[in-house]
Protein backbone atom coordinates (compact mmCIF):
# COMPACT_ATOMS: atom_id res chain seq x y z
CA MET A 1 12.45 -10.33 9.77
CA ASP A 2 13.92 -6.84 9.60
CA GLU A 3 17.60 -5.85 9.75
CA PHE A 4 17.69 -5.42 13.53
CA GLU A 5 16.10 -8.83 14.13
CA TYR A 6 18.56 -10.41 11.69
CA LEU A 7 21.65 -8.80 13.20
CA SER A 8 20.51 -9.67 16.73
CA THR A 9 20.98 -13.36 15.87
CA GLN A 10 24.45 -13.03 14.30
CA GLU A 11 28.01 -13.42 15.58
CA GLU A 12 29.97 -10.43 16.83
CA GLU A 13 32.41 -10.46 13.90
CA LEU A 14 29.62 -10.25 11.31
CA ILE A 15 27.98 -7.38 13.19
CA LEU A 16 31.27 -5.45 13.42
CA ASN A 17 31.95 -6.00 9.72
CA THR A 18 28.44 -4.78 8.91
CA TRP A 19 29.02 -1.66 11.03
CA ASN A 20 32.35 -1.04 9.30
CA ALA A 21 30.94 -1.59 5.78
CA LEU A 22 28.14 0.92 6.43
CA GLY A 23 30.56 3.71 7.32
CA ALA A 24 31.88 2.89 10.80
CA PHE A 25 29.88 5.69 12.41
CA THR A 26 30.59 6.67 16.02
CA VAL A 27 28.23 8.63 18.27
CA ASN A 28 28.96 10.46 21.52
CA LYS A 29 27.44 13.02 23.89
CA ASP A 30 27.68 15.69 21.18
CA THR A 31 25.64 13.81 18.57
CA LYS A 32 22.37 15.61 17.77
CA VAL A 33 20.87 13.51 14.93
CA TYR A 34 20.42 9.74 14.79
CA SER A 35 19.09 8.35 11.50
CA LYS A 36 16.87 5.28 11.36
CA GLY A 37 18.52 2.16 9.95
CA THR A 38 22.11 3.17 10.75
CA ILE A 39 24.52 1.15 12.92
CA VAL A 40 26.79 3.07 15.28
CA LYS A 41 29.55 2.55 17.82
CA VAL A 42 29.11 4.38 21.11
CA ASP A 43 31.80 6.57 22.62
CA ALA A 44 30.57 7.12 26.18
CA SER A 45 33.67 9.01 27.35
CA GLN A 46 33.41 12.58 28.55
CA ASP A 47 36.58 13.82 26.84
CA GLY A 48 36.22 12.02 23.47
CA THR A 49 39.12 9.65 24.08
CA GLY A 50 36.93 6.55 23.91
CA VAL A 51 38.05 5.47 27.36
CA SER A 52 35.14 4.87 29.72
CA SER A 53 33.78 2.24 32.07
CA ALA A 54 30.20 3.04 31.06
CA LEU A 55 27.97 0.10 30.09
CA PHE A 56 27.59 1.10 26.44
CA ASN A 57 31.09 2.34 25.70
CA ASN A 58 32.24 0.74 22.40
CA ARG A 59 28.92 -1.15 22.10
CA ILE A 60 27.28 -1.44 18.67
CA ILE A 61 23.79 0.08 18.54
CA TYR A 62 21.12 -0.11 15.81
CA ILE A 63 19.05 3.07 15.34
CA LEU A 64 15.42 1.91 15.26
CA GLU A 65 13.82 5.34 14.81
CA ASP A 66 14.93 8.79 13.78
CA TYR A 67 15.98 10.85 16.80
CA ARG A 68 16.71 14.56 16.43
CA VAL A 69 17.59 16.70 19.44
CA ASP A 70 15.27 19.71 19.76
CA ASN A 71 15.67 20.43 23.51
CA LYS A 72 11.87 20.31 23.87
CA THR A 73 10.81 16.69 23.80
CA LYS A 74 14.11 15.15 22.66
CA PHE A 75 17.32 15.92 24.53
CA ILE A 76 21.01 15.07 24.17
CA ILE A 77 21.80 11.42 24.84
CA HIS A 78 24.39 11.08 27.59
CA TRP A 79 25.59 7.56 26.88
CA ASP A 80 27.40 7.21 30.18
CA GLU A 81 23.99 7.42 31.91
CA MET A 82 22.22 4.89 29.69
CA ALA A 83 21.22 1.41 30.93
CA GLN A 84 19.66 -1.73 29.51
CA SER A 85 15.86 -1.77 29.62
CA ILE A 86 14.39 -4.20 32.16
CA SER A 87 11.06 -4.56 30.32
CA ASP A 88 12.75 -5.01 26.91
CA PRO A 89 16.42 -6.06 27.15
CA SER A 90 16.98 -5.36 23.46
CA LYS A 91 16.45 -1.61 24.03
CA VAL A 92 18.30 1.20 25.77
CA ALA A 93 16.72 2.87 28.83
CA VAL A 94 17.33 5.96 30.94
CA GLN A 95 16.14 6.22 34.55
CA GLY A 96 13.97 3.15 34.00
CA ILE A 97 12.23 4.51 30.89
CA THR A 98 12.73 2.47 27.72
CA LEU A 99 13.82 4.47 24.67
CA PRO A 100 12.30 2.98 21.48
CA TYR A 101 14.96 4.62 19.31
CA PHE A 102 18.01 2.48 20.09
CA GLY A 103 18.38 -1.29 19.75
CA ILE A 104 21.26 -3.14 21.42
CA LEU A 105 23.25 -5.51 19.20
CA PRO A 106 25.33 -8.37 20.67
CA ALA A 107 28.68 -6.87 19.68
CA LYS A 108 31.35 -4.65 21.19
CA TRP A 109 34.21 -3.04 19.32
CA SER A 110 37.80 -3.60 20.45
CA PRO A 111 41.18 -2.47 19.03
CA SER A 112 41.87 -6.06 17.98
CA PHE A 113 39.06 -6.00 15.41
CA ILE A 114 40.39 -6.32 11.84
CA PRO A 115 37.70 -5.43 9.28
CA ASP A 116 37.12 -7.55 6.18
CA LYS A 117 37.52 -5.12 3.26
CA ASN A 118 35.55 -7.41 0.91
CA PHE A 119 32.58 -7.87 3.24
CA ILE A 120 29.13 -7.00 1.82
CA PRO A 121 26.48 -6.33 4.50
CA TYR A 122 23.17 -8.20 4.64
CA SER A 123 24.26 -11.05 2.39
CA PHE A 124 25.18 -14.72 2.79
CA GLU A 125 28.62 -14.86 4.41
CA GLY A 126 29.13 -11.25 3.34
CA LYS A 127 29.65 -12.28 -0.30
CA GLY A 128 26.78 -10.44 -1.95
CA GLU A 129 24.23 -13.26 -2.21
CA GLU A 130 20.84 -11.97 -1.16
CA LEU A 131 19.45 -13.05 2.21
CA PRO A 132 15.86 -14.32 2.21
CA ASN A 133 13.20 -12.76 4.44
CA VAL A 134 15.36 -9.81 5.49
CA THR A 135 13.76 -6.47 4.70
CA PRO A 136 15.64 -3.15 4.70
CA GLY A 137 15.40 -0.98 7.78
CA VAL A 138 12.49 1.11 6.53
CA ARG A 139 8.91 1.45 7.68
CA SER A 140 6.30 -0.77 6.09
CA ILE A 141 4.30 2.45 5.62
CA ASN A 142 6.03 5.70 4.71
CA ILE A 143 4.19 8.30 6.79
CA SER A 144 5.52 11.62 8.06
CA ASP A 145 5.79 12.24 11.79
CA PHE A 146 3.43 15.22 11.44
CA GLU A 147 0.71 13.16 9.76
CA LEU A 148 1.16 10.32 12.23
CA GLU A 149 0.79 12.65 15.20
CA THR A 150 -2.27 14.22 13.53
CA CYS A 151 -3.89 10.78 13.57
CA LEU A 152 -2.85 10.28 17.20
CA THR A 153 -4.60 13.36 18.57
CA VAL A 154 -7.25 10.97 19.94
CA ILE A 155 -4.71 9.74 22.51
CA GLY A 156 -3.30 13.12 23.48
CA PHE A 157 -0.77 14.09 20.79
CA PRO A 158 0.99 16.47 20.41
CA PHE A 159 0.80 17.08 24.18
CA ALA A 160 1.84 13.45 24.74
CA ASN A 161 4.87 11.90 23.07
CA PHE A 162 6.08 8.41 22.23
CA GLN A 163 7.98 8.10 25.49
CA ASP A 164 4.72 8.52 27.43
CA ILE A 165 2.66 5.79 25.75
CA GLU A 166 2.62 2.00 25.72
CA TYR A 167 3.58 1.49 22.05
CA SER A 168 6.61 2.75 20.13
CA LYS A 169 6.24 4.76 16.95
CA GLN A 170 7.27 1.74 14.85
CA GLN A 171 4.74 -0.51 16.59
CA ILE A 172 1.96 1.99 15.94
CA ILE A 173 2.88 2.13 12.25
CA GLU A 174 3.14 -1.65 11.92
CA TYR A 175 0.13 -2.75 13.98
CA MET A 176 -2.30 0.16 13.60
CA VAL A 177 -1.52 2.32 10.56
CA ARG A 178 -0.76 -0.60 8.23
CA PRO A 179 -4.01 -2.54 8.97
CA ALA A 180 -6.00 0.71 8.61
CA LEU A 181 -4.52 1.35 5.15
CA GLN A 182 -5.18 -2.27 4.15
CA ARG A 183 -8.81 -1.67 5.06
CA TYR A 184 -8.86 1.63 3.17
CA TYR A 185 -7.45 0.17 -0.05
CA THR A 186 -9.93 -2.71 0.15
CA TYR A 187 -12.68 -0.17 -0.50
CA ARG A 188 -10.76 2.59 -2.27
CA PRO A 189 -8.08 0.87 -4.38
CA ILE A 190 -5.73 2.68 -6.72
CA ILE A 191 -6.84 1.82 -10.28
CA LYS A 192 -4.18 1.18 -12.91
CA GLU A 193 -5.51 0.54 -16.43
CA GLN A 194 -3.64 -1.78 -18.79
CA GLY A 195 -4.41 -2.90 -22.34
CA TYR A 196 -3.51 -6.58 -22.80
CA GLY A 197 -4.33 -6.96 -26.51
CA PRO A 198 -6.59 -9.10 -28.73
CA VAL A 199 -7.77 -12.48 -27.44
CA GLY A 200 -9.58 -15.11 -29.51
CA VAL A 201 -12.81 -16.93 -28.74
CA ASN A 202 -12.42 -19.41 -25.85
CA GLN A 203 -8.69 -18.63 -25.64
CA GLU A 204 -7.06 -19.23 -22.25
CA VAL A 205 -5.66 -16.11 -20.58
CA LEU A 206 -2.85 -16.11 -18.01
CA VAL A 207 -1.55 -12.69 -16.93
CA PRO A 208 1.01 -12.25 -14.10
CA PHE A 209 0.46 -9.38 -11.68
CA PRO A 210 2.60 -6.50 -13.01
CA THR A 211 4.87 -3.95 -11.40
CA PHE A 212 4.66 -0.34 -12.48
CA GLU A 213 7.99 1.42 -12.88
CA ASP A 214 6.37 4.86 -12.86
CA ASP A 215 4.37 4.28 -9.69
CA ASN A 216 5.31 2.55 -6.43
CA VAL A 217 2.14 0.50 -5.97
CA GLU A 218 1.44 -3.15 -5.17
CA VAL A 219 -1.26 -5.04 -7.08
CA MET A 220 -3.97 -6.70 -4.94
CA GLY A 221 -6.41 -7.89 -7.58
CA CYS A 222 -7.79 -7.33 -11.05
CA ILE A 223 -11.00 -6.77 -13.01
CA PRO A 224 -10.57 -7.99 -16.62
CA TYR A 225 -13.02 -6.89 -19.32
CA TYR A 226 -13.32 -7.08 -23.11
CA THR A 227 -14.02 -4.48 -25.75
CA THR A 228 -15.14 -5.74 -29.15
CA PRO A 229 -12.95 -4.59 -32.03
CA GLY A 230 -14.14 -2.08 -34.61
CA GLY A 231 -14.93 -2.87 -38.23
CA THR A 232 -17.87 -3.42 -40.51
CA MET A 233 -18.73 -6.96 -39.41
CA GLY A 234 -21.83 -7.11 -37.26
CA GLY A 235 -21.96 -8.66 -33.81
CA THR A 236 -22.76 -12.21 -34.84
CA GLY A 237 -21.40 -15.48 -33.48
CA GLY A 238 -18.47 -14.82 -31.18
CA ARG A 239 -16.82 -12.00 -33.03
CA GLY A 240 -17.35 -8.65 -34.70
CA ASN A 241 -18.54 -5.29 -33.48
CA PRO A 242 -22.15 -5.32 -32.24
CA PHE A 243 -22.44 -1.65 -33.20
CA ALA A 244 -21.02 -2.00 -36.72
CA TYR A 245 -24.44 -2.47 -38.30
CA TYR A 246 -25.72 0.73 -36.73
CA ASN A 247 -22.59 2.56 -37.85
CA THR A 248 -23.39 1.46 -41.41
CA GLN A 249 -26.92 2.83 -41.15
CA MET A 250 -25.82 6.13 -39.62
CA GLY A 251 -23.19 6.69 -42.29
CA GLY A 252 -25.10 5.50 -45.33
CA GLY A 253 -27.26 7.59 -47.59
CA PHE A 254 -25.93 11.05 -46.85
CA GLY A 255 -25.07 11.49 -50.55
CA GLY A 256 -28.34 10.21 -51.94
CA GLY A 257 -29.89 6.90 -52.83
CA MET A 258 -26.89 5.59 -54.79
CA LEU A 259 -24.77 5.62 -51.61
CA GLY A 260 -27.44 4.34 -49.25
CA SER A 261 -27.09 1.10 -47.31
CA ARG A 262 -28.14 -2.25 -48.63
CA TYR A 263 -31.31 -2.01 -46.57
CA GLY A 264 -32.36 1.35 -47.99
CA ARG A 265 -31.37 4.94 -47.54
CA GLY A 266 -29.53 6.14 -44.47
CA LEU A 267 -31.15 7.89 -41.55
CA ARG A 268 -32.79 11.15 -42.61
CA TYR A 269 -33.35 14.28 -40.56
CA PRO A 270 -36.06 16.27 -42.39
CA GLY A 271 -36.89 19.55 -40.69
CA LYS A 272 -34.38 19.01 -37.85
CA MET A 273 -31.48 21.24 -36.95
CA VAL A 274 -29.56 18.42 -35.21
CA PRO A 275 -29.23 14.67 -35.89
CA GLY A 276 -31.71 12.36 -34.21
CA TYR A 277 -33.56 9.11 -34.66
CA VAL A 278 -36.31 10.16 -37.12
CA GLY A 279 -37.46 8.66 -40.41
CA THR A 280 -36.61 5.13 -39.33
CA ALA A 281 -39.83 3.60 -40.69
CA SER A 282 -38.11 2.28 -43.82
CA SER A 283 -37.26 -1.02 -45.42
CA TYR A 284 -34.42 -1.74 -42.97
CA THR A 285 -36.43 -1.39 -39.75
CA SER A 286 -36.93 -5.13 -39.51
CA GLN A 287 -33.20 -5.69 -39.98
CA ILE A 288 -32.43 -3.37 -37.09
CA ASP A 289 -34.69 -5.43 -34.88
CA ALA A 290 -33.09 -8.65 -36.10
CA ASP A 291 -29.55 -7.46 -35.36
CA ALA A 292 -30.58 -6.21 -31.93
CA ALA A 293 -32.06 -9.62 -31.14
CA ARG A 294 -28.90 -11.33 -32.41
CA GLN A 295 -26.67 -9.21 -30.18
CA GLY A 296 -28.97 -9.79 -27.23
CA MET A 297 -28.64 -13.54 -27.70
CA LEU A 298 -24.84 -13.20 -27.92
CA ASN A 299 -24.84 -11.37 -24.60
CA ARG A 300 -27.17 -13.93 -23.06
CA ILE A 301 -25.02 -16.96 -23.88
CA ARG A 302 -21.74 -15.17 -23.13
CA ARG A 303 -19.67 -16.84 -20.44
CA GLU A 304 -16.53 -15.59 -18.70
CA HIS A 305 -14.48 -16.99 -15.86
CA PHE A 306 -11.43 -15.45 -14.22
CA SER A 307 -9.71 -16.31 -10.96
CA LYS A 308 -6.76 -15.05 -8.95
CA GLU A 309 -4.18 -17.84 -8.69
CA LYS A 310 -0.64 -18.21 -7.40
CA ILE A 311 1.49 -19.98 -10.01
CA ASP A 312 5.21 -20.64 -9.41
CA GLY A 313 5.14 -18.25 -6.46
CA LYS A 314 3.66 -15.34 -8.44
CA TRP A 315 0.07 -14.09 -8.42
CA CYS A 316 -1.71 -14.24 -11.79
CA ILE A 317 -5.10 -13.71 -13.41
CA HIS A 318 -6.22 -16.96 -15.08
CA GLY A 319 -9.37 -17.49 -17.15
CA PHE A 320 -11.20 -17.51 -20.47
CA THR A 321 -14.25 -16.03 -22.24
CA THR A 322 -16.63 -17.28 -24.94
CA ILE A 323 -16.27 -14.04 -26.90
CA GLY A 324 -13.26 -12.59 -28.60
CA GLY A 325 -12.03 -9.06 -28.35
CA ASN A 326 -9.46 -6.74 -26.89
CA LEU A 327 -8.73 -7.69 -23.28
CA ASN A 328 -8.30 -4.81 -20.85
CA LEU A 329 -7.25 -5.06 -17.21
CA LYS A 330 -8.13 -2.84 -14.29
CA TRP A 331 -5.47 -3.58 -11.68
CA LEU A 332 -6.58 -2.84 -8.12
CA CYS A 333 -3.54 -1.60 -6.17
CA LYS A 334 -2.36 -0.35 -2.79
CA SER A 335 0.61 1.78 -1.83
CA LYS A 336 3.01 1.95 1.11
CA ASP A 337 3.48 5.67 0.51
CA TYR A 338 1.02 7.62 2.66
CA GLU A 339 1.53 10.69 0.47
CA ARG A 340 -0.03 8.71 -2.39
CA ILE A 341 -3.47 9.17 -0.78
CA GLU A 342 -5.42 12.08 -2.22
CA GLU A 343 -6.02 15.06 0.06
CA ASP A 344 -9.82 14.83 0.01
CA GLU A 345 -9.66 11.19 1.19
CA LEU A 346 -7.65 11.86 4.35
CA GLU A 347 -10.16 13.26 6.81
CA VAL A 348 -13.13 11.35 5.40
CA TRP A 349 -11.59 7.88 5.14
CA VAL A 350 -7.98 7.40 6.18
CA ARG A 351 -7.55 9.29 9.45
CA PRO A 352 -10.80 7.89 10.94
CA MET A 353 -9.68 4.36 10.05
CA ILE A 354 -6.27 4.88 11.67
CA ARG A 355 -7.84 6.48 14.75
CA SER A 356 -10.24 3.56 15.05
CA GLU A 357 -7.32 1.09 15.08
CA VAL A 358 -5.36 3.23 17.55
CA LEU A 359 -8.29 3.62 19.95
CA ASN A 360 -9.05 -0.10 19.83
CA ASN A 361 -5.44 -1.12 20.58
CA PHE A 362 -5.00 1.39 23.39
CA TYR A 363 -8.40 0.47 24.84
CA VAL A 364 -7.38 -3.19 25.00
CA ILE A 365 -3.96 -2.57 26.60
CA ARG A 366 -5.27 -0.04 29.12
CA SER A 367 -8.22 -2.23 30.06
CA LEU A 368 -5.68 -4.68 31.47
CA VAL A 369 -4.69 -2.09 34.08
CA LYS A 370 -6.84 -1.60 37.18
CA THR A 371 -9.00 1.49 36.74
CA ASP A 372 -9.02 2.33 40.46
CA ILE A 373 -5.37 3.43 40.40
CA ALA A 374 -5.02 7.15 41.13
CA GLY A 375 -4.57 9.13 37.92
CA GLN A 376 -5.48 6.20 35.67
CA LEU A 377 -7.71 7.29 32.76
CA ASP A 378 -10.89 5.34 32.11
CA PRO A 379 -10.23 3.28 28.92
CA GLN A 380 -13.99 3.08 28.29
CA VAL A 381 -13.73 6.60 26.88
CA MET A 382 -11.57 5.22 24.06
CA LYS A 383 -14.07 2.48 23.30
CA THR A 384 -16.86 5.05 23.10
CA GLN A 385 -14.80 7.21 20.72
CA ARG A 386 -14.05 4.21 18.50
CA ASP A 387 -17.71 3.18 18.40
CA GLU A 388 -18.63 6.69 17.27
CA ILE A 389 -16.05 6.58 14.47
CA GLU A 390 -17.15 3.11 13.33
CA ALA A 391 -20.80 4.21 13.31
CA VAL A 392 -19.85 6.58 10.48
CA LEU A 393 -17.31 4.37 8.72
CA LYS A 394 -19.27 1.12 8.45
CA PRO A 395 -22.18 2.49 6.37
CA MET A 396 -19.65 4.16 4.07
CA CYS A 397 -17.76 0.89 3.62
CA ASN A 398 -20.96 -1.08 3.01
CA SER A 399 -22.04 1.44 0.40
CA VAL A 400 -18.71 1.45 -1.41
CA ALA A 401 -18.60 -2.36 -1.41
CA THR A 402 -21.50 -2.33 -3.87
CA VAL A 403 -21.54 1.06 -5.54
CA GLY A 404 -17.76 1.29 -5.81
CA ALA A 405 -17.45 -2.16 -7.36
CA LEU A 406 -20.09 -1.32 -9.95
CA ALA A 407 -18.37 1.97 -10.74
CA ILE A 408 -15.08 0.16 -11.40
CA HIS A 409 -16.82 -2.39 -13.60
CA ARG A 410 -18.48 0.36 -15.63
CA GLY A 411 -15.28 2.24 -16.22
CA GLY A 412 -14.95 4.47 -13.16
CA ALA A 413 -11.59 4.81 -11.46
């Protein structure tokens, strides 16, 4: 639950103490800016004395969304004219229109209220112990109003506004933008590379999902892979560098026969201006073939198994491999910060996915209304628009599901 849902279930005294501990803000007819997540007391009087018979005078209100007066689409709130919404009793309404910006809390300030100076908001009994399942009053996705309205042009923005449509801004972010970004990161994850360190043959590996202090991302999954360590030992058995033998041949013999490899002189480049594979018909040719066959067999019998498991409430990568080496991890991540998405991904991937979700949700809700009502728009238009968007998106997603996965495996990010 979020802060508003939590406070809506609490006693009046706790709500008043929370309001007081957060600054004891008061709003009136002269207030121009309301900030999301704040708790305020309403002064509905005309002269600023606090004396009024208005419904919301001295009531405690939770600000659900930012509201800034611009005298174009958002006007001054005259609290003495506000009423309780009939369609949603937890919200404020004016002239029958529900305002999604203001949530009504079950508390009213009175002069007899004595604040608890030691009270800590959003904690067990106000003593600082963390409450479970209560998230701060922030959006699940951090997206600017401009970018959100850019995605909502398919339903009439910026000509329309949030007071004209069926869903509030927060509902659109939670139920349309968030699923769209989950879909996007499924195909286009943020890649974070991490070196785990050396792991022995058949050694069990258990790695908890990390957090990255330098980047606000959330890990969804992982692709582990091994690199064989360097050195002069060839790739035999379950250890060694499969390229070490070839390194020996390439480096041996440049100073003459005395410094050549144990299989003969090093690679020679007679008559060539640049290095290349020439002069290989020597006494070590058969050994090259033998080592190549040995490494091929090592690859053939190699076995790895990794799985994503939840252990003690924390997601981990758990597995083993039949070869040793340096374990590396490609963490596949998502972000709640919309600005984290690269510019060239917006119009190709992200905005179409958000618009598809928006059109689908509005098509469903508007299909429930009779289409023969005067002025009612035909919701089938929205379905047609969504189908056109999906006709482009689905082949892209299907392609990335294969090509993108292979690119990540092969080192692409």
